[in-house]
C-alpha atoms as a PDB file:
ATOM      1  CA  UNK A   1      -4.525 -13.632 -12.946  1.00  0.00           C
ATOM      2  CA  UNK A   2      -8.067 -15.082 -13.104  1.00  0.00           C
ATOM      3  CA  UNK A   3      -7.933 -17.309 -10.155  1.00  0.00           C
ATOM      4  CA  UNK A   4      -6.750 -14.381  -8.257  1.00  0.00           C
ATOM      5  CA  UNK A   5      -9.521 -11.967  -9.347  1.00  0.00           C
ATOM      6  CA  UNK A   6     -11.879 -14.610  -8.400  1.00  0.00           C
ATOM      7  CA  UNK A   7     -10.752 -15.215  -4.753  1.00  0.00           C
ATOM      8  CA  UNK A   8     -10.112 -11.308  -4.243  1.00  0.00           C
ATOM      9  CA  UNK A   9     -13.485 -10.246  -5.531  1.00  0.00           C
ATOM     10  CA  UNK A  10     -14.818 -12.849  -2.973  1.00  0.00           C
ATOM     11  CA  UNK A  11     -13.128 -11.430  -0.374  1.00  0.00           C
ATOM     12  CA  UNK A  12     -13.669  -7.653  -1.432  1.00  0.00           C
ATOM     13  CA  UNK A  13     -17.561  -8.643  -1.011  1.00  0.00           C
ATOM     14  CA  UNK A  14     -17.251  -9.596   2.542  1.00  0.00           C
ATOM     15  CA  UNK A  15     -15.820  -6.331   3.495  1.00  0.00           C
ATOM     16  CA  UNK A  16     -17.887  -4.690   6.355  1.00  0.00           C
ATOM     17  CA  UNK A  17     -20.348  -2.241   5.238  1.00  0.00           C
ATOM     18  CA  UNK A  18     -21.139   1.018   6.980  1.00  0.00           C
ATOM     19  CA  UNK A  19     -24.172  -0.170   8.996  1.00  0.00           C
ATOM     20  CA  UNK A  20     -21.752  -2.440  10.711  1.00  0.00           C
ATOM     21  CA  UNK A  21     -19.399   0.124  11.613  1.00  0.00           C
ATOM     22  CA  UNK A  22     -22.107   2.249  13.015  1.00  0.00           C
ATOM     23  CA  UNK A  23     -23.389  -1.029  15.499  1.00  0.00           C
ATOM     24  CA  UNK A  24     -19.723  -1.098  16.472  1.00  0.00           C
ATOM     25  CA  UNK A  25     -19.166   2.576  16.900  1.00  0.00           C
ATOM     26  CA  UNK A  26     -22.553   2.605  19.329  1.00  0.00           C
ATOM     27  CA  UNK A  27     -21.288  -0.072  21.526  1.00  0.00           C
ATOM     28  CA  UNK A  28     -19.391   1.109  24.727  1.00  0.00           C
ATOM     29  CA  UNK A  29     -17.649  -1.889  25.956  1.00  0.00           C
ATOM     30  CA  UNK A  30     -15.238  -4.126  24.440  1.00  0.00           C
ATOM     31  CA  UNK A  31     -16.735  -7.471  25.111  1.00  0.00           C
ATOM     32  CA  UNK A  32     -20.205  -6.643  23.273  1.00  0.00           C
ATOM     33  CA  UNK A  33     -18.319  -5.043  20.673  1.00  0.00           C
ATOM     34  CA  UNK A  34     -16.375  -8.266  20.182  1.00  0.00           C
ATOM     35  CA  UNK A  35     -19.217 -10.408  20.100  1.00  0.00           C
ATOM     36  CA  UNK A  36     -20.709  -8.120  17.322  1.00  0.00           C
ATOM     37  CA  UNK A  37     -17.684  -8.343  15.211  1.00  0.00           C
ATOM     38  CA  UNK A  38     -17.334 -12.080  15.609  1.00  0.00           C
ATOM     39  CA  UNK A  39     -20.874 -12.508  14.424  1.00  0.00           C
ATOM     40  CA  UNK A  40     -19.854 -10.420  11.301  1.00  0.00           C
ATOM     41  CA  UNK A  41     -17.609 -10.202   8.237  1.00  0.00           C
ATOM     42  CA  UNK A  42     -14.825  -9.121  10.743  1.00  0.00           C
ATOM     43  CA  UNK A  43     -14.838 -12.316  12.533  1.00  0.00           C
ATOM     44  CA  UNK A  44     -11.472 -13.698  10.916  1.00  0.00           C
ATOM     45  CA  UNK A  45      -9.931 -10.355  12.294  1.00  0.00           C
ATOM     46  CA  UNK A  46     -10.919 -10.397  15.884  1.00  0.00           C
ATOM     47  CA  UNK A  47     -10.487 -14.484  16.321  1.00  0.00           C
ATOM     48  CA  UNK A  48      -8.419 -14.989  19.305  1.00  0.00           C
ATOM     49  CA  UNK A  49      -9.345 -11.794  21.140  1.00  0.00           C
ATOM     50  CA  UNK A  50     -11.058 -11.484  23.983  1.00  0.00           C
ATOM     51  CA  UNK A  51     -12.577  -8.949  26.741  1.00  0.00           C
ATOM     52  CA  UNK A  52      -9.835  -9.570  28.746  1.00  0.00           C
ATOM     53  CA  UNK A  53      -6.768  -8.533  25.926  1.00  0.00           C
ATOM     54  CA  UNK A  54      -4.577  -5.883  26.820  1.00  0.00           C
ATOM     55  CA  UNK A  55      -3.822  -2.975  24.144  1.00  0.00           C
ATOM     56  CA  UNK A  56      -0.765  -4.896  22.957  1.00  0.00           C
ATOM     57  CA  UNK A  57      -2.544  -8.271  22.807  1.00  0.00           C
ATOM     58  CA  UNK A  58      -5.081  -6.490  20.548  1.00  0.00           C
ATOM     59  CA  UNK A  59      -2.565  -5.164  18.328  1.00  0.00           C
ATOM     60  CA  UNK A  60       0.035  -7.823  18.205  1.00  0.00           C
ATOM     61  CA  UNK A  61      -3.020 -10.432  17.028  1.00  0.00           C
ATOM     62  CA  UNK A  62      -4.242  -7.502  14.564  1.00  0.00           C
ATOM     63  CA  UNK A  63      -0.606  -7.375  12.932  1.00  0.00           C
ATOM     64  CA  UNK A  64      -0.215 -11.247  12.732  1.00  0.00           C
ATOM     65  CA  UNK A  65      -3.756 -11.866  11.006  1.00  0.00           C
ATOM     66  CA  UNK A  66      -2.832  -9.016   8.398  1.00  0.00           C
ATOM     67  CA  UNK A  67       0.737 -10.814   7.848  1.00  0.00           C
ATOM     68  CA  UNK A  68      -1.196 -13.879   7.387  1.00  0.00           C
ATOM     69  CA  UNK A  69      -3.826 -12.151   5.169  1.00  0.00           C
ATOM     70  CA  UNK A  70      -1.017 -10.773   2.982  1.00  0.00           C
ATOM     71  CA  UNK A  71       0.454 -14.534   2.541  1.00  0.00           C
ATOM     72  CA  UNK A  72      -2.400 -15.936   1.664  1.00  0.00           C
ATOM     73  CA  UNK A  73      -3.194 -13.108  -0.970  1.00  0.00           C
ATOM     74  CA  UNK A  74       0.433 -13.872  -2.369  1.00  0.00           C
ATOM     75  CA  UNK A  75      -0.456 -17.528  -2.805  1.00  0.00           C
ATOM     76  CA  UNK A  76      -3.513 -16.339  -4.822  1.00  0.00           C
ATOM     77  CA  UNK A  77      -1.221 -14.342  -7.361  1.00  0.00           C
ATOM     78  CA  UNK A  78       0.666 -15.620 -10.276  1.00  0.00           C
ATOM     79  CA  UNK A  79       4.227 -17.000  -9.218  1.00  0.00           C
ATOM     80  CA  UNK A  80       6.340 -13.911 -10.647  1.00  0.00           C
ATOM     81  CA  UNK A  81       4.088 -11.573  -8.455  1.00  0.00           C
ATOM     82  CA  UNK A  82       4.178 -13.479  -5.196  1.00  0.00           C
ATOM     83  CA  UNK A  83       7.215 -11.894  -4.014  1.00  0.00           C
ATOM     84  CA  UNK A  84       5.991  -8.261  -4.751  1.00  0.00           C
ATOM     85  CA  UNK A  85       2.842  -9.099  -3.041  1.00  0.00           C
ATOM     86  CA  UNK A  86       4.544 -10.297   0.201  1.00  0.00           C
ATOM     87  CA  UNK A  87       6.940  -7.377   0.228  1.00  0.00           C
ATOM     88  CA  UNK A  88       3.914  -5.252   1.330  1.00  0.00           C
ATOM     89  CA  UNK A  89       4.067  -7.131   4.715  1.00  0.00           C
ATOM     90  CA  UNK A  90       7.373  -4.719   5.655  1.00  0.00           C
ATOM     91  CA  UNK A  91       4.979  -1.678   5.645  1.00  0.00           C
ATOM     92  CA  UNK A  92       3.000  -2.995   8.746  1.00  0.00           C
ATOM     93  CA  UNK A  93       6.018  -3.042  11.181  1.00  0.00           C
ATOM     94  CA  UNK A  94       7.887  -0.325   9.552  1.00  0.00           C
ATOM     95  CA  UNK A  95       7.236   2.535  12.041  1.00  0.00           C
ATOM     96  CA  UNK A  96       8.250   0.158  14.802  1.00  0.00           C
ATOM     97  CA  UNK A  97      11.530  -0.960  12.937  1.00  0.00           C
ATOM     98  CA  UNK A  98      12.221   2.893  12.572  1.00  0.00           C
ATOM     99  CA  UNK A  99      12.154   3.491  16.081  1.00  0.00           C
ATOM    100  CA  UNK A 100      14.491   1.081  16.894  1.00  0.00           C
ATOM    101  CA  UNK A 101      16.725   2.054  14.095  1.00  0.00           C
ATOM    102  CA  UNK A 102      17.055   5.869  15.509  1.00  0.00           C
ATOM    103  CA  UNK A 103      18.447   4.135  18.318  1.00  0.00           C
ATOM    104  CA  UNK A 104      15.698   4.306  20.847  1.00  0.00           C
ATOM    105  CA  UNK A 105      15.418   1.523  23.534  1.00  0.00           C
ATOM    106  CA  UNK A 106      13.215  -1.578  22.898  1.00  0.00           C
ATOM    107  CA  UNK A 107       9.244  -0.985  24.118  1.00  0.00           C
ATOM    108  CA  UNK A 108       8.230  -3.439  26.505  1.00  0.00           C
ATOM    109  CA  UNK A 109       5.571  -5.197  23.779  1.00  0.00           C
ATOM    110  CA  UNK A 110       8.425  -5.914  21.326  1.00  0.00           C
ATOM    111  CA  UNK A 111       9.829  -8.706  23.454  1.00  0.00           C
ATOM    112  CA  UNK A 112       6.246 -10.568  22.955  1.00  0.00           C
ATOM    113  CA  UNK A 113       6.258 -10.091  19.663  1.00  0.00           C
ATOM    114  CA  UNK A 114       7.826 -12.535  17.209  1.00  0.00           C
ATOM    115  CA  UNK A 115       8.959 -10.682  14.399  1.00  0.00           C
ATOM    116  CA  UNK A 116      10.314  -7.781  17.065  1.00  0.00           C
ATOM    117  CA  UNK A 117      11.583 -10.254  19.615  1.00  0.00           C
ATOM    118  CA  UNK A 118      15.367 -10.792  18.247  1.00  0.00           C
ATOM    119  CA  UNK A 119      15.746  -6.942  17.986  1.00  0.00           C
ATOM    120  CA  UNK A 120      14.458  -6.162  21.525  1.00  0.00           C
ATOM    121  CA  UNK A 121      16.529  -9.247  23.151  1.00  0.00           C
ATOM    122  CA  UNK A 122      19.825  -7.778  21.363  1.00  0.00           C
ATOM    123  CA  UNK A 123      22.101  -6.403  24.584  1.00  0.00           C
ATOM    124  CA  UNK A 124      23.918  -3.423  22.918  1.00  0.00           C
ATOM    125  CA  UNK A 125      22.970  -0.887  20.718  1.00  0.00           C
ATOM    126  CA  UNK A 126      25.621  -1.854  18.046  1.00  0.00           C
ATOM    127  CA  UNK A 127      24.351  -5.184  18.248  1.00  0.00           C
ATOM    128  CA  UNK A 128      20.912  -4.349  17.596  1.00  0.00           C
ATOM    129  CA  UNK A 129      21.973  -1.792  14.589  1.00  0.00           C
ATOM    130  CA  UNK A 130      23.537  -4.718  12.921  1.00  0.00           C
ATOM    131  CA  UNK A 131      20.615  -6.882  13.348  1.00  0.00           C
ATOM    132  CA  UNK A 132      18.560  -4.127  11.646  1.00  0.00           C
ATOM    133  CA  UNK A 133      21.042  -3.410   8.934  1.00  0.00           C
ATOM    134  CA  UNK A 134      21.186  -6.962   7.880  1.00  0.00           C
ATOM    135  CA  UNK A 135      17.887  -8.519   8.779  1.00  0.00           C
ATOM    136  CA  UNK A 136      14.399  -7.483   7.039  1.00  0.00           C
ATOM    137  CA  UNK A 137      15.485  -4.047   7.044  1.00  0.00           C
ATOM    138  CA  UNK A 138      18.524  -4.464   4.951  1.00  0.00           C
ATOM    139  CA  UNK A 139      16.234  -2.457   2.291  1.00  0.00           C
ATOM    140  CA  UNK A 140      16.714   0.993   4.480  1.00  0.00           C
ATOM    141  CA  UNK A 141      20.361   0.638   3.987  1.00  0.00           C
ATOM    142  CA  UNK A 142      20.690   3.299   1.139  1.00  0.00           C
ATOM    143  CA  UNK A 143      19.023   5.614   3.339  1.00  0.00           C
ATOM    144  CA  UNK A 144      20.208   4.721   6.897  1.00  0.00           C
ATOM    145  CA  UNK A 145      22.313   7.582   7.851  1.00  0.00           C
ATOM    146  CA  UNK A 146      20.064  10.128   5.957  1.00  0.00           C
ATOM    147  CA  UNK A 147      17.363   8.605   8.722  1.00  0.00           C
ATOM    148  CA  UNK A 148      19.896   9.061  11.612  1.00  0.00           C
ATOM    149  CA  UNK A 149      20.551  12.648  10.556  1.00  0.00           C
ATOM    150  CA  UNK A 150      16.788  13.321  10.316  1.00  0.00           C
ATOM    151  CA  UNK A 151      16.242  12.044  13.755  1.00  0.00           C
ATOM    152  CA  UNK A 152      18.965  13.920  15.297  1.00  0.00           C
ATOM    153  CA  UNK A 153      16.952  17.423  13.787  1.00  0.00           C
ATOM    154  CA  UNK A 154      13.853  15.967  15.087  1.00  0.00           C
ATOM    155  CA  UNK A 155      12.114  15.665  11.612  1.00  0.00           C
ATOM    156  CA  UNK A 156      10.050  12.864  12.044  1.00  0.00           C
ATOM    157  CA  UNK A 157       8.259  13.586   8.833  1.00  0.00           C
ATOM    158  CA  UNK A 158      11.514  13.302   6.841  1.00  0.00           C
ATOM    159  CA  UNK A 159      12.475  10.093   8.433  1.00  0.00           C
ATOM    160  CA  UNK A 160       9.246   8.662   7.390  1.00  0.00           C
ATOM    161  CA  UNK A 161       9.376   9.609   3.742  1.00  0.00           C
ATOM    162  CA  UNK A 162      12.831   8.106   3.846  1.00  0.00           C
ATOM    163  CA  UNK A 163      11.705   5.043   5.027  1.00  0.00           C
ATOM    164  CA  UNK A 164       9.032   4.720   2.456  1.00  0.00           C
ATOM    165  CA  UNK A 165      10.988   5.818  -0.544  1.00  0.00           C
ATOM    166  CA  UNK A 166      13.432   3.089   0.477  1.00  0.00           C
ATOM    167  CA  UNK A 167      10.577   0.437   0.554  1.00  0.00           C
ATOM    168  CA  UNK A 168       9.058   1.799  -2.705  1.00  0.00           C
ATOM    169  CA  UNK A 169      12.275   1.672  -4.420  1.00  0.00           C
ATOM    170  CA  UNK A 170      12.677  -2.131  -3.265  1.00  0.00           C
ATOM    171  CA  UNK A 171       9.338  -2.653  -4.080  1.00  0.00           C
ATOM    172  CA  UNK A 172       9.601  -1.989  -7.634  1.00  0.00           C
ATOM    173  CA  UNK A 173      12.693  -4.062  -7.896  1.00  0.00           C
ATOM    174  CA  UNK A 174      10.522  -6.853  -6.888  1.00  0.00           C
ATOM    175  CA  UNK A 175       8.373  -6.209 -10.065  1.00  0.00           C
ATOM    176  CA  UNK A 176       8.523  -8.505 -12.914  1.00  0.00           C
ATOM    177  CA  UNK A 177       8.257  -7.608 -16.625  1.00  0.00           C
ATOM    178  CA  UNK A 178       4.767  -6.049 -17.015  1.00  0.00           C
ATOM    179  CA  UNK A 179       3.182  -4.445 -19.906  1.00  0.00           C
ATOM    180  CA  UNK A 180       2.248  -0.663 -19.872  1.00  0.00           C
ATOM    181  CA  UNK A 181      -1.042  -1.351 -18.434  1.00  0.00           C
ATOM    182  CA  UNK A 182      -0.038  -3.059 -15.295  1.00  0.00           C
ATOM    183  CA  UNK A 183       2.790  -0.414 -14.658  1.00  0.00           C
ATOM    184  CA  UNK A 184       0.255   2.296 -15.006  1.00  0.00           C
ATOM    185  CA  UNK A 185      -2.378   0.725 -12.428  1.00  0.00           C
ATOM    186  CA  UNK A 186       0.391   0.537 -10.039  1.00  0.00           C
ATOM    187  CA  UNK A 187       1.496   4.101 -10.641  1.00  0.00           C
ATOM    188  CA  UNK A 188      -1.824   5.438 -10.117  1.00  0.00           C
ATOM    189  CA  UNK A 189      -2.185   3.409  -6.721  1.00  0.00           C
ATOM    190  CA  UNK A 190       1.304   4.614  -5.757  1.00  0.00           C
ATOM    191  CA  UNK A 191       0.001   8.647  -6.542  1.00  0.00           C
ATOM    192  CA  UNK A 192      -3.598   7.823  -4.779  1.00  0.00           C
ATOM    193  CA  UNK A 193      -1.501   6.624  -1.426  1.00  0.00           C
ATOM    194  CA  UNK A 194       1.271   9.534  -1.531  1.00  0.00           C
ATOM    195  CA  UNK A 195      -1.486  11.968  -2.159  1.00  0.00           C
ATOM    196  CA  UNK A 196      -3.555  10.640   0.801  1.00  0.00           C
ATOM    197  CA  UNK A 197      -0.536  10.735   2.811  1.00  0.00           C
ATOM    198  CA  UNK A 198       0.280  14.518   2.482  1.00  0.00           C
ATOM    199  CA  UNK A 199      -3.169  15.521   3.001  1.00  0.00           C
ATOM    200  CA  UNK A 200      -3.771  13.315   5.968  1.00  0.00           C
ATOM    201  CA  UNK A 201      -0.766  14.853   7.778  1.00  0.00           C
ATOM    202  CA  UNK A 202      -2.098  18.360   7.043  1.00  0.00           C
ATOM    203  CA  UNK A 203      -5.589  17.524   8.374  1.00  0.00           C
ATOM    204  CA  UNK A 204      -6.986  18.238  12.097  1.00  0.00           C
ATOM    205  CA  UNK A 205      -7.538  14.808  14.103  1.00  0.00           C
ATOM    206  CA  UNK A 206     -11.259  15.399  14.247  1.00  0.00           C
ATOM    207  CA  UNK A 207     -11.520  15.336  10.069  1.00  0.00           C
ATOM    208  CA  UNK A 208      -8.894  12.467   9.463  1.00  0.00           C
ATOM    209  CA  UNK A 209     -11.966   9.944   9.012  1.00  0.00           C
ATOM    210  CA  UNK A 210     -13.164  12.037   6.162  1.00  0.00           C
ATOM    211  CA  UNK A 211     -10.034  11.881   4.676  1.00  0.00           C
ATOM    212  CA  UNK A 212      -9.898   8.164   5.014  1.00  0.00           C
ATOM    213  CA  UNK A 213     -13.323   7.444   3.552  1.00  0.00           C
ATOM    214  CA  UNK A 214     -12.465   9.461   0.727  1.00  0.00           C
ATOM    215  CA  UNK A 215      -9.384   7.055   0.105  1.00  0.00           C
ATOM    216  CA  UNK A 216     -11.617   4.244   0.294  1.00  0.00           C
ATOM    217  CA  UNK A 217     -13.800   5.263  -2.143  1.00  0.00           C
ATOM    218  CA  UNK A 218     -11.286   6.143  -4.337  1.00  0.00           C
ATOM    219  CA  UNK A 219      -9.434   2.827  -3.777  1.00  0.00           C
ATOM    220  CA  UNK A 220     -13.098   1.042  -4.857  1.00  0.00           C
ATOM    221  CA  UNK A 221     -13.274   2.643  -7.941  1.00  0.00           C
ATOM    222  CA  UNK A 222      -9.605   1.567  -8.768  1.00  0.00           C
ATOM    223  CA  UNK A 223     -10.313  -1.926  -7.998  1.00  0.00           C
ATOM    224  CA  UNK A 224     -13.304  -2.400 -10.416  1.00  0.00           C
ATOM    225  CA  UNK A 225     -10.961  -0.494 -12.955  1.00  0.00           C
ATOM    226  CA  UNK A 226      -7.904  -2.917 -12.098  1.00  0.00           C
ATOM    227  CA  UNK A 227      -9.765  -5.991 -12.354  1.00  0.00           C
ATOM    228  CA  UNK A 228      -7.390  -8.922 -14.195  1.00  0.00           C
ATOM    229  CA  UNK A 229      -4.171  -6.513 -13.627  1.00  0.00           C
ATOM    230  CA  UNK A 230      -1.771  -7.481 -10.782  1.00  0.00           C
ATOM    231  CA  UNK A 231      -2.413  -4.077  -9.001  1.00  0.00           C
ATOM    232  CA  UNK A 232      -5.869  -5.277  -7.983  1.00  0.00           C
ATOM    233  CA  UNK A 233      -4.539  -7.221  -5.363  1.00  0.00           C
ATOM    234  CA  UNK A 234      -2.408  -4.287  -4.199  1.00  0.00           C
ATOM    235  CA  UNK A 235      -5.682  -1.865  -4.121  1.00  0.00           C
ATOM    236  CA  UNK A 236      -7.186  -4.719  -2.176  1.00  0.00           C
ATOM    237  CA  UNK A 237      -4.665  -4.810   0.605  1.00  0.00           C
ATOM    238  CA  UNK A 238      -4.693  -1.214   0.893  1.00  0.00           C
ATOM    239  CA  UNK A 239      -8.677  -1.346   1.544  1.00  0.00           C
ATOM    240  CA  UNK A 240      -7.864  -4.498   4.239  1.00  0.00           C
ATOM    241  CA  UNK A 241      -5.406  -1.872   5.700  1.00  0.00           C
ATOM    242  CA  UNK A 242      -7.994   1.049   5.941  1.00  0.00           C
ATOM    243  CA  UNK A 243     -10.668  -1.488   7.469  1.00  0.00           C
ATOM    244  CA  UNK A 244      -8.075  -2.700  10.046  1.00  0.00           C
ATOM    245  CA  UNK A 245      -7.193   0.680  10.945  1.00  0.00           C
ATOM    246  CA  UNK A 246     -10.767   1.654  11.750  1.00  0.00           C
ATOM    247  CA  UNK A 247     -11.229  -1.719  13.322  1.00  0.00           C
ATOM    248  CA  UNK A 248      -8.286  -0.887  15.635  1.00  0.00           C
ATOM    249  CA  UNK A 249      -9.503   2.205  16.350  1.00  0.00           C
ATOM    250  CA  UNK A 250     -12.763   1.019  17.786  1.00  0.00           C
ATOM    251  CA  UNK A 251     -10.767  -1.950  19.859  1.00  0.00           C
ATOM    252  CA  UNK A 252      -8.368   0.204  21.422  1.00  0.00           C
ATOM    253  CA  UNK A 253     -10.645   2.851  22.309  1.00  0.00           C
ATOM    254  CA  UNK A 254     -12.613   0.293  24.811  1.00  0.00           C
ATOM    255  CA  UNK A 255      -9.513  -1.482  25.751  1.00  0.00           C
ATOM    256  CA  UNK A 256      -7.747   1.776  26.728  1.00  0.00           C
ATOM    257  CA  UNK A 257     -10.436   4.344  27.442  1.00  0.00           C
ATOM    258  CA  UNK A 258      -9.251   7.874  26.649  1.00  0.00           C
ATOM    259  CA  UNK A 259      -6.980   6.761  24.297  1.00  0.00           C
ATOM    260  CA  UNK A 260      -8.618   7.171  20.925  1.00  0.00           C
ATOM    261  CA  UNK A 261     -10.510  10.350  20.710  1.00  0.00           C
ATOM    262  CA  UNK A 262     -13.572  10.629  18.206  1.00  0.00           C
ATOM    263  CA  UNK A 263     -14.954   7.649  16.580  1.00  0.00           C
ATOM    264  CA  UNK A 264     -13.966   7.680  13.080  1.00  0.00           C
END
C-alpha cells in the first residue's frame, strides 16, 4: 500500500480549497468560471469543456473523467484490491441504469454516452432488459423483481436502496482476504456514507450543502486514520465524488440557468 498511499496523498493535497469554491460561486457566467477552473486544482476535471458545452456534454465529460480516475487509482492499488476499486465505477451510472431497469424509455443523451448507448440502441423493451440483466448490471439480478415492484408502487427510495444493497453485496465479494483493521475501516466508511444518505434525504434542499460539508469533514478525518489501509483509496474516491458533485452544480447552474437553485 505504500505506493498507493504516496499517490493518494499527493492527489488529496491537490483538492480545491474553500477559497477556490467561493471564487467559482461568485462567477456569473460559464466561460469565466471555466477559465478560473482551468487555472486551478480543478483543471483535470474541466479539460475539454468549453463555454459552448451543453448540459449533457458537461455531465458526460465529468462522468468520463471520474471513470478514468477510478481506473487510475485502481492501478496504484495492490493487485488484490484493484477489482474492488474499479467496482466503484458502477456507482457513477447506477441511477441511469436503474431508470432503464424500470422499463422507462431511453433519454436522448444516452445515445451519445459511450456506456449507455448499447442500451439506448435496443429496439424493444425485452432486448433492453436482456442487455441490462446480462451486462454490467448483472449484479442486480437478485433484487431485479423487487426493484420493478418498487417502481410500480412509486417507491423510488426503496428501489434505490435495493440497487445500492445489491451493489454493496457484490462489492464485498470483490474484497480479498484482509485483516480486522482493514475490514473495520471499510465498515466505518460504509456506515458514514449510509448515515449521510439517510440524513440527506431528510434535509430540506436549502440545507443540503451543510450536510455535504459535514460528510467531507468526516471523510477527511477518516483519510488520515486510514493511512496505509486499503480503505484509504475508497475514502479518497468518496471525497473526489463530493468535489465533482459540487463542481457539477456550479457548471450546470451556468449552462442551464434556473436549473440549480442556491449554490452549495
